[in-house]
C-alpha cells in the first residue's frame, strides 16, 4: 500500500515537472500551453510513461469544481446579464440541436443505434475553451465575446452532463417518458442554481464577518467543493450549482465582503489552482489518447470528427442568426465565426466516456475511439488555428494601444496614491508647505492629463472599453 502511494506521488511530481518544463518552453515557441501539454503527453506516452490514470471521479469530483468556480468568480455579472440570452441560447438550445444532429448523422453513417449515437453527442458536444480564453486574454479580444464563449462553456458543461445522465438512464432502463424527462432536466438545472445561490450567499455573509485573507481563501474552497457535493448527493447539477455560487462570490462577495488584500489572495489562489489542474488534465489526456487504435479506425474517427464539426456549425449559426433578428445589440458575424470554431472539446467528454468503463451498453469500443479522436482533433487542430482565425477577422485590438492604456492606468493609480500619501505627510507635519503645494500642483496637473488621455482612448477604442470590468 505504502509503495503504491509513493509510486503515485512520484508520478504526480513527474507530471508537475513536465508541465513546468512545457510552461517554460512555450515562452519561446508560438504554441498555446494547453495544446503543448497534450502533445507532450502524447510524446511521453510513446516513451512508455503511463502517468496517473484518468477516471470519471478524478475529473468530475476533484478537477471540475475548482475550474468551474475559478471561471465563475471572474465573470462580470452585468456583462453576463447583457448577454444572457445569447449564452442560454448557445448552451441549451444550441447544445440540444447539436446532440440531435450528431445522433442522426452517426446513426446514418456509422450505423450505431440512434440512442447510443445520441449518448455520444451528449458526451462530446460540451465545450472546453480554456486554451482559447487564455489566448483571447493575451490578444485583448473583446470582453463581451470572451464572456459569451466562457458563459456558454460553463452552462453547457452542466447541461451536457444532465442530458448524458438522462440518455444513459433511458438506455439502461429501456423506458422513455418525454414529460418526466423534461421535468427531471429542469429540476436538475433549477435546483442546482438555487442551491448554488444559497450556499454562495451564506458564504458571502460569513465572509463579511471575517477579515483574514487565508481563512477567506479556505472558505471559498469549501464553498466550491461543498456546493458540488451537496448538489450531487441530491441528484441535481453540481456544475450549475458551483457556477451560481461562484457568481455570487465573484460579484457581491468581492465588492462588499472582501478587503483589497483578500481579493488579491483569492484571485491568485484560484488562478494557481486552475493553472495546476488544467496542466494536469491536458497532460494526462495526452498520455491516455490511444493513437494505435485511432490510426487503425481512421474512417470511423474521421466521420465522427466531421459530424461534430457540422453539428457545432449548425447549432451556432442557426440560433445566432435567428437571435440577431431580435437583439438590439447584435452579435457580429465575425464573432459568430469565432464562437463556432472556439468550441473545443476536452475534459468533460473524456470524463463522461470513462464513466462508461464498467457499463454493459453496446459499442463501447467505438465510442471510446470516437470520443478520443474528436478531443485530439479539437484540442490540437482547432486550438492551433483559432488565433489565425481571429487575426484574419480583424478582432485583435492593436497591442500597442492596449499596452499604452494599461500604462496610463498604472500612472493614474500611482499618482492617486502619491497624492494620498502627500496628504498624510502634511497632516503629520512631515512636509514643508511650499514643497507640499508645489508637488501637489504638479501631480494634479499630470493626473488630469492622464485622465483625459484615458477617456480619449476609451472613446476611440471600443474594444478597450469592452475589456473593462
Protein backbone atom coordinates (compact mmCIF):
# COMPACT_ATOMS: atom_id res chain seq x y z
CA UNK A 1 0.00 0.00 0.00
CA UNK A 2 2.78 2.39 1.01
CA UNK A 3 4.70 1.52 -2.16
CA UNK A 4 1.63 2.31 -4.30
CA UNK A 5 1.19 5.69 -2.60
CA UNK A 6 4.84 6.59 -3.09
CA UNK A 7 4.61 5.46 -6.72
CA UNK A 8 1.58 7.71 -7.31
CA UNK A 9 3.35 10.63 -5.63
CA UNK A 10 6.37 10.16 -7.89
CA UNK A 11 4.13 10.06 -10.98
CA UNK A 12 2.32 13.18 -9.78
CA UNK A 13 5.62 15.02 -9.29
CA UNK A 14 6.81 13.86 -12.71
CA UNK A 15 3.68 15.30 -14.31
CA UNK A 16 4.14 18.61 -12.50
CA UNK A 17 7.79 18.73 -13.58
CA UNK A 18 6.86 18.04 -17.22
CA UNK A 19 4.10 20.68 -17.06
CA UNK A 20 6.59 23.20 -15.65
CA UNK A 21 9.09 22.47 -18.42
CA UNK A 22 6.34 22.83 -21.04
CA UNK A 23 5.25 26.15 -19.48
CA UNK A 24 8.81 27.45 -19.81
CA UNK A 25 9.23 26.05 -23.34
CA UNK A 26 6.08 27.69 -24.75
CA UNK A 27 7.54 31.09 -23.90
CA UNK A 28 9.95 30.53 -26.78
CA UNK A 29 7.63 28.85 -29.31
CA UNK A 30 4.30 30.03 -30.75
CA UNK A 31 2.22 27.25 -29.25
CA UNK A 32 -0.67 27.50 -26.76
CA UNK A 33 0.22 26.00 -23.40
CA UNK A 34 -2.67 23.51 -23.20
CA UNK A 35 -2.01 22.21 -26.72
CA UNK A 36 1.68 21.84 -25.93
CA UNK A 37 0.67 19.79 -22.87
CA UNK A 38 -1.49 17.41 -24.93
CA UNK A 39 1.31 16.94 -27.47
CA UNK A 40 3.82 16.42 -24.65
CA UNK A 41 1.51 13.83 -23.12
CA UNK A 42 1.35 12.02 -26.44
CA UNK A 43 5.13 12.15 -26.68
CA UNK A 44 5.85 10.73 -23.23
CA UNK A 45 3.21 8.02 -23.69
CA UNK A 46 5.21 6.74 -26.68
CA UNK A 47 8.22 6.53 -24.34
CA UNK A 48 6.29 4.21 -22.05
CA UNK A 49 5.20 6.72 -19.40
CA UNK A 50 1.74 5.74 -18.19
CA UNK A 51 1.12 8.57 -15.73
CA UNK A 52 -1.77 8.69 -13.28
CA UNK A 53 -4.79 7.09 -14.88
CA UNK A 54 -7.66 9.45 -15.61
CA UNK A 55 -11.02 8.49 -14.17
CA UNK A 56 -14.50 9.96 -14.06
CA UNK A 57 -14.11 10.61 -10.32
CA UNK A 58 -10.82 12.49 -10.70
CA UNK A 59 -12.14 14.79 -13.42
CA UNK A 60 -15.71 15.37 -12.23
CA UNK A 61 -15.26 15.42 -8.44
CA UNK A 62 -11.69 16.69 -7.95
CA UNK A 63 -10.76 18.75 -11.02
CA UNK A 64 -14.08 20.16 -12.25
CA UNK A 65 -15.43 22.09 -9.19
CA UNK A 66 -12.40 24.42 -8.85
CA UNK A 67 -12.26 25.00 -12.62
CA UNK A 68 -15.94 25.98 -12.75
CA UNK A 69 -15.62 28.13 -9.62
CA UNK A 70 -12.49 29.91 -10.87
CA UNK A 71 -14.21 30.71 -14.15
CA UNK A 72 -17.39 31.90 -12.41
CA UNK A 73 -15.70 34.33 -9.99
CA UNK A 74 -14.13 36.13 -12.95
CA UNK A 75 -17.41 36.58 -14.85
CA UNK A 76 -18.78 40.10 -14.55
CA UNK A 77 -22.48 39.78 -13.67
CA UNK A 78 -23.50 42.89 -15.61
CA UNK A 79 -21.82 41.62 -18.78
CA UNK A 80 -23.38 38.20 -18.18
CA UNK A 81 -26.86 39.72 -17.84
CA UNK A 82 -26.40 41.75 -21.03
CA UNK A 83 -25.50 38.59 -22.97
CA UNK A 84 -27.55 36.03 -21.05
CA UNK A 85 -29.96 35.37 -23.92
CA UNK A 86 -27.10 34.59 -26.29
CA UNK A 87 -25.37 32.38 -23.71
CA UNK A 88 -28.54 30.45 -22.80
CA UNK A 89 -29.40 30.01 -26.49
CA UNK A 90 -25.98 28.52 -27.24
CA UNK A 91 -25.66 26.50 -24.03
CA UNK A 92 -29.11 24.89 -24.03
CA UNK A 93 -30.88 25.23 -27.39
CA UNK A 94 -27.67 25.01 -29.39
CA UNK A 95 -26.48 22.03 -27.36
CA UNK A 96 -29.74 20.14 -27.92
CA UNK A 97 -29.64 20.87 -31.66
CA UNK A 98 -26.05 19.63 -31.90
CA UNK A 99 -26.78 16.43 -29.95
CA UNK A 100 -29.68 15.52 -32.24
CA UNK A 101 -27.65 16.26 -35.38
CA UNK A 102 -24.74 14.15 -34.10
CA UNK A 103 -27.12 11.33 -33.17
CA UNK A 104 -28.83 11.31 -36.57
CA UNK A 105 -25.62 11.51 -38.63
CA UNK A 106 -23.69 8.94 -36.57
CA UNK A 107 -26.66 6.58 -36.80
CA UNK A 108 -26.84 7.14 -40.57
CA UNK A 109 -23.16 6.85 -41.50
CA UNK A 110 -21.60 4.62 -38.81
CA UNK A 111 -24.78 2.56 -38.20
CA UNK A 112 -24.67 2.83 -34.43
CA UNK A 113 -28.18 2.66 -32.85
CA UNK A 114 -29.75 6.11 -32.56
CA UNK A 115 -29.95 6.14 -28.75
CA UNK A 116 -26.22 5.22 -28.48
CA UNK A 117 -25.40 7.87 -31.09
CA UNK A 118 -27.33 10.45 -29.05
CA UNK A 119 -25.32 9.40 -25.99
CA UNK A 120 -22.14 10.08 -27.97
CA UNK A 121 -23.49 13.51 -28.88
CA UNK A 122 -24.23 14.31 -25.23
CA UNK A 123 -20.72 13.21 -24.27
CA UNK A 124 -18.79 15.07 -26.91
CA UNK A 125 -20.61 18.37 -27.52
CA UNK A 126 -19.95 20.24 -24.22
CA UNK A 127 -17.21 22.80 -24.89
CA UNK A 128 -13.91 23.46 -23.11
CA UNK A 129 -12.34 26.67 -24.45
CA UNK A 130 -9.66 27.12 -21.74
CA UNK A 131 -6.79 27.43 -24.23
CA UNK A 132 -8.88 29.79 -26.39
CA UNK A 133 -9.72 32.07 -23.45
CA UNK A 134 -6.07 32.29 -22.42
CA UNK A 135 -5.18 33.32 -25.96
CA UNK A 136 -8.05 35.86 -26.07
CA UNK A 137 -6.74 37.48 -22.90
CA UNK A 138 -3.26 37.76 -24.40
CA UNK A 139 -4.56 39.28 -27.64
CA UNK A 140 -7.02 41.69 -26.00
CA UNK A 141 -10.16 40.20 -27.56
CA UNK A 142 -13.50 41.85 -26.70
CA UNK A 143 -14.66 41.17 -23.15
CA UNK A 144 -18.21 40.66 -24.40
CA UNK A 145 -17.13 37.94 -26.85
CA UNK A 146 -15.00 36.28 -24.18
CA UNK A 147 -17.93 36.30 -21.73
CA UNK A 148 -20.26 34.70 -24.30
CA UNK A 149 -17.78 31.89 -25.02
CA UNK A 150 -16.93 31.28 -21.36
CA UNK A 151 -20.57 31.52 -20.27
CA UNK A 152 -21.66 29.04 -22.93
CA UNK A 153 -18.94 26.62 -21.85
CA UNK A 154 -19.83 26.67 -18.15
CA UNK A 155 -23.58 26.36 -18.73
CA UNK A 156 -23.34 23.67 -21.40
CA UNK A 157 -20.96 21.61 -19.28
CA UNK A 158 -23.73 21.37 -16.71
CA UNK A 159 -26.47 20.84 -19.30
CA UNK A 160 -24.38 18.26 -21.19
CA UNK A 161 -23.80 16.18 -18.06
CA UNK A 162 -27.53 16.28 -17.22
CA UNK A 163 -28.51 15.23 -20.77
CA UNK A 164 -25.87 12.47 -20.74
CA UNK A 165 -27.20 11.05 -17.45
CA UNK A 166 -30.77 11.24 -18.79
CA UNK A 167 -29.96 9.38 -22.04
CA UNK A 168 -27.89 6.78 -20.17
CA UNK A 169 -30.85 6.16 -17.84
CA UNK A 170 -33.13 5.65 -20.86
CA UNK A 171 -30.66 3.11 -22.30
CA UNK A 172 -30.29 1.19 -19.03
CA UNK A 173 -34.00 1.15 -18.08
CA UNK A 174 -35.30 0.92 -21.65
CA UNK A 175 -38.08 3.40 -20.78
CA UNK A 176 -38.74 6.92 -22.01
CA UNK A 177 -41.38 9.44 -20.96
CA UNK A 178 -40.85 12.86 -22.50
CA UNK A 179 -42.74 14.82 -19.83
CA UNK A 180 -40.87 13.07 -16.99
CA UNK A 181 -37.55 13.60 -18.80
CA UNK A 182 -38.15 17.33 -19.34
CA UNK A 183 -39.28 17.84 -15.73
CA UNK A 184 -36.23 15.95 -14.44
CA UNK A 185 -33.91 18.05 -16.62
CA UNK A 186 -35.45 21.33 -15.42
CA UNK A 187 -35.33 20.14 -11.81
CA UNK A 188 -31.62 19.35 -12.02
CA UNK A 189 -30.79 22.75 -13.55
CA UNK A 190 -33.10 24.96 -11.45
CA UNK A 191 -32.34 23.20 -8.16
CA UNK A 192 -28.63 23.41 -8.95
CA UNK A 193 -28.93 27.16 -9.43
CA UNK A 194 -30.97 27.55 -6.24
CA UNK A 195 -28.54 25.57 -4.08
CA UNK A 196 -25.58 27.43 -5.57
CA UNK A 197 -27.12 30.82 -4.83
CA UNK A 198 -27.99 29.74 -1.27
CA UNK A 199 -24.52 28.37 -0.44
CA UNK A 200 -22.88 31.33 -2.19
CA UNK A 201 -24.96 33.86 -0.27
CA UNK A 202 -24.39 32.05 3.04
CA UNK A 203 -20.63 32.10 2.44
CA UNK A 204 -20.83 35.78 1.48
CA UNK A 205 -22.50 36.56 4.83
CA UNK A 206 -19.73 34.70 6.67
CA UNK A 207 -17.01 36.49 4.66
CA UNK A 208 -18.46 39.85 5.72
CA UNK A 209 -17.71 38.98 9.34
CA UNK A 210 -14.10 37.90 8.71
CA UNK A 211 -11.00 39.88 7.80
CA UNK A 212 -8.38 37.16 7.35
CA UNK A 213 -7.38 36.51 3.75
CA UNK A 214 -6.12 32.97 4.41
CA UNK A 215 -9.35 31.89 6.12
CA UNK A 216 -11.40 33.53 3.36
CA UNK A 217 -9.49 31.67 0.64
CA UNK A 218 -10.12 28.43 2.55
CA UNK A 219 -13.84 29.20 2.81
CA UNK A 220 -14.14 29.70 -0.95
CA UNK A 221 -12.52 26.29 -1.44
CA UNK A 222 -15.02 24.71 0.93
CA UNK A 223 -17.80 26.52 -0.93
CA UNK A 224 -16.74 25.18 -4.35
CA UNK A 225 -16.41 21.54 -3.30
CA UNK A 226 -19.22 21.67 -0.74
CA UNK A 227 -21.74 23.03 -3.24
CA UNK A 228 -20.77 20.39 -5.80
CA UNK A 229 -21.08 17.55 -3.27
CA UNK A 230 -24.45 18.76 -1.94
CA UNK A 231 -25.86 19.01 -5.46
CA UNK A 232 -24.57 15.59 -6.50
CA UNK A 233 -25.90 13.98 -3.31
CA UNK A 234 -29.45 15.13 -4.08
CA UNK A 235 -29.04 14.36 -7.81
CA UNK A 236 -29.06 17.89 -9.25
CA UNK A 237 -26.42 19.62 -11.38
CA UNK A 238 -23.25 20.21 -9.38
CA UNK A 239 -21.71 22.22 -12.22
CA UNK A 240 -24.65 24.66 -12.30
CA UNK A 241 -24.56 24.88 -8.51
CA UNK A 242 -20.85 25.78 -8.39
CA UNK A 243 -21.39 28.28 -11.21
CA UNK A 244 -24.12 30.07 -9.22
CA UNK A 245 -22.03 30.08 -6.03
CA UNK A 246 -19.03 31.46 -7.92
CA UNK A 247 -21.10 34.25 -9.46
CA UNK A 248 -22.28 35.35 -6.00
CA UNK A 249 -18.75 35.43 -4.56
CA UNK A 250 -17.17 36.91 -7.68
CA UNK A 251 -19.57 39.83 -7.80
CA UNK A 252 -21.35 40.53 -4.50
CA UNK A 253 -18.65 38.95 -2.33
CA UNK A 254 -15.69 40.71 -3.93
CA UNK A 255 -17.32 44.12 -3.69
CA UNK A 256 -18.98 44.02 -0.27
CA UNK A 257 -17.21 41.33 1.77
CA UNK A 258 -13.51 41.43 0.91
CA UNK A 259 -10.62 43.75 1.58
CA UNK A 260 -8.22 44.53 -1.31
CA UNK A 261 -5.72 42.09 0.22
CA UNK A 262 -8.32 39.31 0.31
CA UNK A 263 -9.42 39.98 -3.28
CA UNK A 264 -5.84 39.63 -4.49
CA UNK A 265 -5.28 36.48 -2.39
CA UNK A 266 -8.45 34.81 -3.69
CA UNK A 267 -7.76 35.73 -7.30
CA UNK A 268 -4.16 34.49 -7.19
CA UNK A 269 -5.03 31.32 -5.24
CA UNK A 270 -7.76 30.28 -7.65
CA UNK A 271 -5.70 31.17 -10.72
CA UNK A 272 -2.89 28.97 -9.39
CA UNK A 273 -5.32 26.12 -8.67
CA UNK A 274 -6.82 26.37 -12.16
CA UNK A 275 -3.35 26.50 -13.73
CA UNK A 276 -2.19 23.35 -11.92
CA UNK A 277 -5.41 21.44 -12.62
CA UNK A 278 -5.53 22.39 -16.30
CA UNK A 279 -1.86 21.45 -16.62
CA UNK A 280 -2.53 18.00 -15.17
CA UNK A 281 -5.74 17.44 -17.15
CA UNK A 282 -4.32 18.23 -20.58
CA UNK A 283 -1.06 16.41 -19.93
CA UNK A 284 -2.96 13.34 -18.70
CA UNK A 285 -5.32 13.49 -21.69
CA UNK A 286 -2.25 13.33 -23.93
CA UNK A 287 -0.97 10.23 -22.13
CA UNK A 288 -4.37 8.50 -22.43
CA UNK A 289 -5.09 9.02 -26.15
CA UNK A 290 -4.96 5.58 -27.86
CA UNK A 291 -3.10 6.58 -31.03
CA UNK A 292 -2.60 2.98 -32.25
CA UNK A 293 -6.31 2.20 -32.04
CA UNK A 294 -7.31 5.54 -33.56
CA UNK A 295 -4.95 5.07 -36.51
CA UNK A 296 -6.49 1.63 -37.07
CA UNK A 297 -10.03 3.05 -37.26
CA UNK A 298 -9.46 6.28 -39.18
CA UNK A 299 -12.72 6.08 -41.15
CA UNK A 300 -14.91 5.89 -38.02
CA UNK A 301 -12.89 8.58 -36.23
CA UNK A 302 -12.81 10.79 -39.34
CA UNK A 303 -16.59 10.59 -39.81
CA UNK A 304 -17.11 11.38 -36.11
CA UNK A 305 -14.91 14.47 -36.35
CA UNK A 306 -16.71 15.70 -39.47
CA UNK A 307 -20.12 15.09 -37.88
CA UNK A 308 -19.15 17.05 -34.74
CA UNK A 309 -17.88 19.97 -36.86
CA UNK A 310 -21.14 20.05 -38.86
CA UNK A 311 -23.31 19.78 -35.74
CA UNK A 312 -21.40 22.56 -34.00
CA UNK A 313 -21.71 24.87 -37.00
CA UNK A 314 -25.46 24.35 -37.39
CA UNK A 315 -26.08 24.70 -33.64
CA UNK A 316 -24.21 28.04 -33.56
CA UNK A 317 -25.06 29.76 -36.86
CA UNK A 318 -28.77 28.89 -36.99
CA UNK A 319 -29.79 30.09 -33.49
CA UNK A 320 -27.39 33.07 -33.59
CA UNK A 321 -28.77 34.33 -36.92
CA UNK A 322 -32.33 33.95 -35.60
CA UNK A 323 -31.39 35.64 -32.32
CA UNK A 324 -29.81 38.57 -34.17
CA UNK A 325 -33.20 39.33 -35.71
CA UNK A 326 -34.43 40.30 -32.22
CA UNK A 327 -31.28 41.55 -30.48
CA UNK A 328 -30.76 45.30 -30.31
CA UNK A 329 -27.03 44.87 -29.71
CA UNK A 330 -26.44 42.31 -32.45
CA UNK A 331 -23.58 39.81 -32.46
CA UNK A 332 -21.27 40.47 -35.45
CA UNK A 333 -20.87 37.66 -37.99
CA UNK A 334 -17.12 37.66 -37.30
CA UNK A 335 -17.87 36.88 -33.65
CA UNK A 336 -20.20 34.04 -34.66
CA UNK A 337 -17.36 32.51 -36.72
CA UNK A 338 -15.13 32.63 -33.64
CA UNK A 339 -17.83 31.26 -31.30
CA UNK A 340 -18.29 28.32 -33.67
CA UNK A 341 -14.62 27.42 -34.06
CA UNK A 342 -13.64 28.06 -30.43
CA UNK A 343 -15.99 25.35 -29.16
CA UNK A 344 -13.19 22.92 -28.30
CA UNK A 345 -13.96 19.55 -26.71
CA UNK A 346 -11.75 18.49 -23.81
CA UNK A 347 -12.06 17.14 -20.29
CA UNK A 348 -15.86 16.69 -19.99
CA UNK A 349 -16.15 14.26 -22.96
CA UNK A 350 -13.22 12.26 -21.54
CA UNK A 351 -14.79 12.11 -18.06
CA UNK A 352 -18.19 11.04 -19.38
CA UNK A 353 -16.60 8.40 -21.61
CA UNK A 354 -14.59 7.00 -18.70
CA UNK A 355 -17.79 6.81 -16.62
CA UNK A 356 -19.00 4.12 -19.04
CA UNK A 357 -15.98 1.85 -18.47
CA UNK A 358 -17.99 -0.59 -16.32
CA UNK A 359 -21.23 -0.17 -18.26
CA UNK A 360 -22.74 -3.01 -20.25
CA UNK A 361 -24.02 -0.84 -23.12
CA UNK A 362 -23.07 -1.80 -26.66
CA UNK A 363 -20.45 -0.17 -28.92
CA UNK A 364 -18.21 0.93 -26.03
CA UNK A 365 -15.02 0.39 -28.04
CA UNK A 366 -16.31 2.52 -30.93
CA UNK A 367 -17.47 5.27 -28.56
CA UNK A 368 -14.08 5.28 -26.83
CA UNK A 369 -12.18 5.79 -30.09
CA UNK A 370 -14.67 8.35 -31.41
CA UNK A 371 -14.52 10.48 -28.25
CA UNK A 372 -10.73 10.47 -28.00
CA UNK A 373 -10.41 11.12 -31.74
CA UNK A 374 -12.70 14.15 -31.58
CA UNK A 375 -10.91 15.50 -28.49
CA UNK A 376 -7.48 15.12 -30.10
CA UNK A 377 -8.57 16.87 -33.32
CA UNK A 378 -10.39 19.60 -31.44
CA UNK A 379 -7.62 20.46 -28.98
CA UNK A 380 -4.77 20.33 -31.49
CA UNK A 381 -6.13 21.39 -34.89
CA UNK A 382 -8.87 23.80 -33.78
CA UNK A 383 -6.78 25.05 -30.89
CA UNK A 384 -3.86 25.89 -33.18
CA UNK A 385 -6.00 27.53 -35.86
CA UNK A 386 -8.23 29.77 -33.71
CA UNK A 387 -5.59 32.52 -33.39
CA UNK A 388 -5.19 32.58 -37.17
CA UNK A 389 -8.97 32.96 -37.50
CA UNK A 390 -9.30 35.88 -35.05
CA UNK A 391 -6.40 37.69 -36.71
CA UNK A 392 -7.87 37.17 -40.19
CA UNK A 393 -11.20 38.53 -38.97
CA UNK A 394 -9.51 41.64 -37.56
CA UNK A 395 -10.64 41.02 -33.98
CA UNK A 396 -7.24 41.59 -32.39
CA UNK A 397 -7.00 45.02 -30.80
CA UNK A 398 -3.74 46.78 -31.56
CA UNK A 399 -1.33 45.60 -28.87
CA UNK A 400 0.45 48.94 -28.61
CA UNK A 401 -2.82 50.70 -27.77
CA UNK A 402 -3.69 48.17 -25.08
CA UNK A 403 -0.24 48.42 -23.54
CA UNK A 404 -0.43 52.24 -23.61
CA UNK A 405 -3.85 52.14 -21.97
CA UNK A 406 -2.60 49.81 -19.22
CA UNK A 407 0.41 52.09 -18.70
CA UNK A 408 -1.88 55.10 -18.28
CA UNK A 409 -3.99 53.22 -15.74
CA UNK A 410 -0.84 52.39 -13.78
CA UNK A 411 0.19 56.07 -13.87
CA UNK A 412 -3.25 57.13 -12.66
CA UNK A 413 -3.14 54.71 -9.72
CA UNK A 414 0.42 55.69 -8.80
CA UNK A 415 -0.31 59.43 -8.86
CA UNK A 416 -3.53 59.00 -6.87
CA UNK A 417 -1.64 57.03 -4.22
CA UNK A 418 1.12 59.66 -4.22
CA UNK A 419 -1.42 62.43 -3.55
CA UNK A 420 -2.94 60.41 -0.70
CA UNK A 421 0.50 59.85 0.80
CA UNK A 422 1.31 63.55 0.41
CA UNK A 423 -1.84 64.48 2.35
CA UNK A 424 -0.90 62.09 5.16
CA UNK A 425 2.61 63.59 5.34
CA UNK A 426 1.12 67.08 5.54
CA UNK A 427 -1.20 66.09 8.39
CA UNK A 428 1.81 64.72 10.28
CA UNK A 429 3.72 67.95 9.50
CA UNK A 430 6.44 65.99 7.69
CA UNK A 431 6.41 68.21 4.57
CA UNK A 432 7.08 71.98 4.37
CA UNK A 433 4.08 73.92 3.00
CA UNK A 434 6.00 75.25 -0.02
CA UNK A 435 7.13 71.79 -1.12
CA UNK A 436 3.66 70.35 -0.40
CA UNK A 437 1.91 72.90 -2.64
CA UNK A 438 4.45 72.53 -5.44
CA UNK A 439 4.32 68.73 -5.53
CA UNK A 440 0.52 68.68 -5.22
CA UNK A 441 0.04 71.18 -8.05
CA UNK A 442 2.41 69.35 -10.40
CA UNK A 443 0.93 65.93 -9.62
CA UNK A 444 -2.68 67.09 -10.01
CA UNK A 445 -1.84 68.68 -13.38
CA UNK A 446 -0.26 65.45 -14.63
CA UNK A 447 -3.12 63.37 -13.22
CA UNK A 448 -5.65 65.50 -15.08
CA UNK A 449 -3.78 64.93 -18.37
CA UNK A 450 -3.64 61.18 -17.77
CA UNK A 451 -7.39 61.02 -17.02
CA UNK A 452 -8.16 62.96 -20.20
CA UNK A 453 -6.00 60.58 -22.24
CA UNK A 454 -7.72 57.55 -20.69
CA UNK A 455 -11.15 59.00 -21.54
CA UNK A 456 -9.99 59.67 -25.10
CA UNK A 457 -8.76 56.09 -25.57
CA UNK A 458 -12.00 54.66 -24.21
CA UNK A 459 -13.96 56.74 -26.71
CA UNK A 460 -11.76 55.88 -29.71
CA UNK A 461 -11.21 52.17 -28.99
CA UNK A 462 -14.43 50.29 -28.31
CA UNK A 463 -12.57 47.00 -27.82
CA UNK A 464 -10.61 48.53 -24.94
CA UNK A 465 -13.83 49.84 -23.40
CA UNK A 466 -15.42 46.38 -23.56
CA UNK A 467 -12.45 44.91 -21.70
CA UNK A 468 -13.28 46.96 -18.59
CA UNK A 469 -14.83 45.26 -15.55
